[in-house]
């Protein structure tokens, strides 16, 4: 059956709690991993896991309050080996700047999307983190 979960012989549905990539807090979501492994392996799902880059409700609220600047690299880094966009690997660090300030700093043509990625060096220099 398409879309079904293949049960783990040892762990059944093999549940895990989804966590937010951006803040590390639980997202109040349970993912059913089912069978994990191959070649005769049957692995237990970790208790908590980051499944995607979708922010949790709290991070969404924070990001919606202004212009979001997310730190990223152009190659896999110690936090993410998965691209969020072609050639962009987020580090998980972000700041939210008042939209008016972002417009003055970056220009309205760059802030219209409400978010942008910034290199680690520029991010650290600009935000002193």
C-alpha atoms as a PDB file:
ATOM      1  CA  UNK A   1       0.000   0.000   0.000  1.00  0.00           C
ATOM      2  CA  UNK A   2       1.391   3.402  -0.976  1.00  0.00           C
ATOM      3  CA  UNK A   3       2.099   5.799   1.891  1.00  0.00           C
ATOM      4  CA  UNK A   4       1.969   3.128   4.561  1.00  0.00           C
ATOM      5  CA  UNK A   5       4.528   2.691   7.326  1.00  0.00           C
ATOM      6  CA  UNK A   6       6.543  -0.510   7.189  1.00  0.00           C
ATOM      7  CA  UNK A   7       6.556  -1.700  10.783  1.00  0.00           C
ATOM      8  CA  UNK A   8       9.751  -2.529  12.566  1.00  0.00           C
ATOM      9  CA  UNK A   9       9.700  -6.163  13.717  1.00  0.00           C
ATOM     10  CA  UNK A  10      11.335  -5.093  16.991  1.00  0.00           C
ATOM     11  CA  UNK A  11      10.012  -1.524  17.584  1.00  0.00           C
ATOM     12  CA  UNK A  12       6.663  -1.509  15.752  1.00  0.00           C
ATOM     13  CA  UNK A  13       5.672   2.003  14.668  1.00  0.00           C
ATOM     14  CA  UNK A  14       9.006   3.224  16.079  1.00  0.00           C
ATOM     15  CA  UNK A  15       7.877   6.743  17.104  1.00  0.00           C
ATOM     16  CA  UNK A  16      10.060   9.801  17.560  1.00  0.00           C
ATOM     17  CA  UNK A  17       9.345  13.387  18.617  1.00  0.00           C
ATOM     18  CA  UNK A  18      10.040  16.021  15.955  1.00  0.00           C
ATOM     19  CA  UNK A  19      12.192  18.927  17.138  1.00  0.00           C
ATOM     20  CA  UNK A  20      12.687  22.365  15.627  1.00  0.00           C
ATOM     21  CA  UNK A  21      15.903  22.809  13.628  1.00  0.00           C
ATOM     22  CA  UNK A  22      16.048  26.477  14.611  1.00  0.00           C
ATOM     23  CA  UNK A  23      15.576  26.394  18.400  1.00  0.00           C
ATOM     24  CA  UNK A  24      15.857  22.701  19.297  1.00  0.00           C
ATOM     25  CA  UNK A  25      12.538  22.609  21.146  1.00  0.00           C
ATOM     26  CA  UNK A  26       9.900  19.921  20.647  1.00  0.00           C
ATOM     27  CA  UNK A  27       7.400  20.695  17.875  1.00  0.00           C
ATOM     28  CA  UNK A  28       4.530  18.741  19.493  1.00  0.00           C
ATOM     29  CA  UNK A  29       4.617  16.325  16.566  1.00  0.00           C
ATOM     30  CA  UNK A  30       5.204  12.603  16.606  1.00  0.00           C
ATOM     31  CA  UNK A  31       6.727  10.932  13.576  1.00  0.00           C
ATOM     32  CA  UNK A  32       6.189   7.225  12.987  1.00  0.00           C
ATOM     33  CA  UNK A  33       9.448   5.964  11.542  1.00  0.00           C
ATOM     34  CA  UNK A  34       8.572   2.286  11.274  1.00  0.00           C
ATOM     35  CA  UNK A  35      11.420   0.082  10.064  1.00  0.00           C
ATOM     36  CA  UNK A  36      14.780   1.863   9.960  1.00  0.00           C
ATOM     37  CA  UNK A  37      17.815   0.099   8.638  1.00  0.00           C
ATOM     38  CA  UNK A  38      18.759  -2.299   5.950  1.00  0.00           C
ATOM     39  CA  UNK A  39      20.690  -5.504   5.391  1.00  0.00           C
ATOM     40  CA  UNK A  40      19.058  -7.199   8.343  1.00  0.00           C
ATOM     41  CA  UNK A  41      19.366  -4.196  10.664  1.00  0.00           C
ATOM     42  CA  UNK A  42      16.420  -3.013  12.755  1.00  0.00           C
ATOM     43  CA  UNK A  43      17.237   0.285  14.454  1.00  0.00           C
ATOM     44  CA  UNK A  44      15.282   2.087  17.144  1.00  0.00           C
ATOM     45  CA  UNK A  45      14.315   5.659  16.257  1.00  0.00           C
ATOM     46  CA  UNK A  46      15.984   8.306  18.405  1.00  0.00           C
ATOM     47  CA  UNK A  47      13.788   9.788  21.115  1.00  0.00           C
ATOM     48  CA  UNK A  48      13.919  13.202  19.368  1.00  0.00           C
ATOM     49  CA  UNK A  49      14.900  14.117  15.811  1.00  0.00           C
ATOM     50  CA  UNK A  50      15.047  17.082  13.429  1.00  0.00           C
ATOM     51  CA  UNK A  51      13.051  16.045  10.374  1.00  0.00           C
ATOM     52  CA  UNK A  52      12.945  19.269   8.359  1.00  0.00           C
ATOM     53  CA  UNK A  53      13.688  22.999   8.339  1.00  0.00           C
ATOM     54  CA  UNK A  54      10.084  24.012   9.054  1.00  0.00           C
ATOM     55  CA  UNK A  55      10.182  26.254  12.148  1.00  0.00           C
ATOM     56  CA  UNK A  56       8.087  25.442  15.203  1.00  0.00           C
ATOM     57  CA  UNK A  57       5.130  27.693  16.075  1.00  0.00           C
ATOM     58  CA  UNK A  58       7.260  29.832  18.406  1.00  0.00           C
ATOM     59  CA  UNK A  59      10.016  30.340  15.815  1.00  0.00           C
ATOM     60  CA  UNK A  60       7.393  31.090  13.126  1.00  0.00           C
ATOM     61  CA  UNK A  61       5.933  33.758  15.394  1.00  0.00           C
ATOM     62  CA  UNK A  62       9.393  35.231  16.047  1.00  0.00           C
ATOM     63  CA  UNK A  63      10.309  35.160  12.344  1.00  0.00           C
ATOM     64  CA  UNK A  64       7.025  36.833  11.382  1.00  0.00           C
ATOM     65  CA  UNK A  65       7.716  39.770  13.705  1.00  0.00           C
ATOM     66  CA  UNK A  66      10.334  41.303  11.392  1.00  0.00           C
ATOM     67  CA  UNK A  67      13.007  40.511   8.821  1.00  0.00           C
ATOM     68  CA  UNK A  68      14.712  37.173   9.469  1.00  0.00           C
ATOM     69  CA  UNK A  69      18.428  36.758   8.771  1.00  0.00           C
ATOM     70  CA  UNK A  70      19.559  33.126   8.786  1.00  0.00           C
ATOM     71  CA  UNK A  71      23.207  32.119   8.925  1.00  0.00           C
ATOM     72  CA  UNK A  72      24.199  29.656   6.204  1.00  0.00           C
ATOM     73  CA  UNK A  73      27.151  28.147   4.384  1.00  0.00           C
ATOM     74  CA  UNK A  74      27.573  27.105   0.756  1.00  0.00           C
ATOM     75  CA  UNK A  75      28.770  23.637   1.713  1.00  0.00           C
ATOM     76  CA  UNK A  76      27.677  21.096   4.344  1.00  0.00           C
ATOM     77  CA  UNK A  77      28.543  22.292   7.839  1.00  0.00           C
ATOM     78  CA  UNK A  78      28.701  20.794  11.322  1.00  0.00           C
ATOM     79  CA  UNK A  79      24.954  21.318  11.820  1.00  0.00           C
ATOM     80  CA  UNK A  80      23.465  20.484   8.433  1.00  0.00           C
ATOM     81  CA  UNK A  81      24.531  18.384   5.494  1.00  0.00           C
ATOM     82  CA  UNK A  82      21.155  18.982   3.814  1.00  0.00           C
ATOM     83  CA  UNK A  83      20.432  21.981   1.597  1.00  0.00           C
ATOM     84  CA  UNK A  84      17.548  24.265   2.502  1.00  0.00           C
ATOM     85  CA  UNK A  85      17.845  25.696  -1.024  1.00  0.00           C
ATOM     86  CA  UNK A  86      20.237  24.862  -3.848  1.00  0.00           C
ATOM     87  CA  UNK A  87      23.753  25.402  -2.470  1.00  0.00           C
ATOM     88  CA  UNK A  88      22.583  26.785   0.902  1.00  0.00           C
ATOM     89  CA  UNK A  89      23.165  24.879   4.150  1.00  0.00           C
ATOM     90  CA  UNK A  90      21.696  26.587   7.252  1.00  0.00           C
ATOM     91  CA  UNK A  91      23.553  26.524  10.558  1.00  0.00           C
ATOM     92  CA  UNK A  92      20.449  26.977  12.717  1.00  0.00           C
ATOM     93  CA  UNK A  93      21.392  30.463  13.903  1.00  0.00           C
ATOM     94  CA  UNK A  94      19.041  33.301  13.055  1.00  0.00           C
ATOM     95  CA  UNK A  95      18.116  36.786  14.180  1.00  0.00           C
ATOM     96  CA  UNK A  96      15.020  38.855  13.563  1.00  0.00           C
ATOM     97  CA  UNK A  97      15.545  42.519  12.757  1.00  0.00           C
ATOM     98  CA  UNK A  98      12.814  45.150  12.713  1.00  0.00           C
ATOM     99  CA  UNK A  99      11.608  45.474   9.129  1.00  0.00           C
ATOM    100  CA  UNK A 100      12.297  49.234   9.083  1.00  0.00           C
ATOM    101  CA  UNK A 101      15.902  48.661  10.165  1.00  0.00           C
ATOM    102  CA  UNK A 102      16.369  45.873   7.621  1.00  0.00           C
ATOM    103  CA  UNK A 103      15.076  48.154   4.861  1.00  0.00           C
ATOM    104  CA  UNK A 104      17.636  50.818   5.831  1.00  0.00           C
ATOM    105  CA  UNK A 105      20.490  48.290   6.098  1.00  0.00           C
ATOM    106  CA  UNK A 106      19.804  46.018   3.123  1.00  0.00           C
ATOM    107  CA  UNK A 107      17.373  48.011   0.967  1.00  0.00           C
ATOM    108  CA  UNK A 108      13.723  47.249   0.330  1.00  0.00           C
ATOM    109  CA  UNK A 109      14.493  45.280  -2.844  1.00  0.00           C
ATOM    110  CA  UNK A 110      16.278  42.687  -0.658  1.00  0.00           C
ATOM    111  CA  UNK A 111      13.851  42.632   2.260  1.00  0.00           C
ATOM    112  CA  UNK A 112      10.577  42.122   0.390  1.00  0.00           C
ATOM    113  CA  UNK A 113      10.643  38.329   0.946  1.00  0.00           C
ATOM    114  CA  UNK A 114      10.911  38.789   4.733  1.00  0.00           C
ATOM    115  CA  UNK A 115      14.036  36.648   5.108  1.00  0.00           C
ATOM    116  CA  UNK A 116      17.543  36.192   3.775  1.00  0.00           C
ATOM    117  CA  UNK A 117      20.590  33.999   4.213  1.00  0.00           C
ATOM    118  CA  UNK A 118      23.935  35.421   5.306  1.00  0.00           C
ATOM    119  CA  UNK A 119      27.407  33.883   5.388  1.00  0.00           C
ATOM    120  CA  UNK A 120      28.801  32.866   8.770  1.00  0.00           C
ATOM    121  CA  UNK A 121      31.513  35.540   8.748  1.00  0.00           C
ATOM    122  CA  UNK A 122      29.131  38.371   7.872  1.00  0.00           C
ATOM    123  CA  UNK A 123      26.528  37.056  10.317  1.00  0.00           C
ATOM    124  CA  UNK A 124      29.032  37.004  13.207  1.00  0.00           C
ATOM    125  CA  UNK A 125      30.403  40.465  12.363  1.00  0.00           C
ATOM    126  CA  UNK A 126      26.999  42.069  11.902  1.00  0.00           C
ATOM    127  CA  UNK A 127      25.285  40.567  14.926  1.00  0.00           C
ATOM    128  CA  UNK A 128      28.268  40.039  17.238  1.00  0.00           C
ATOM    129  CA  UNK A 129      27.265  36.480  18.062  1.00  0.00           C
END
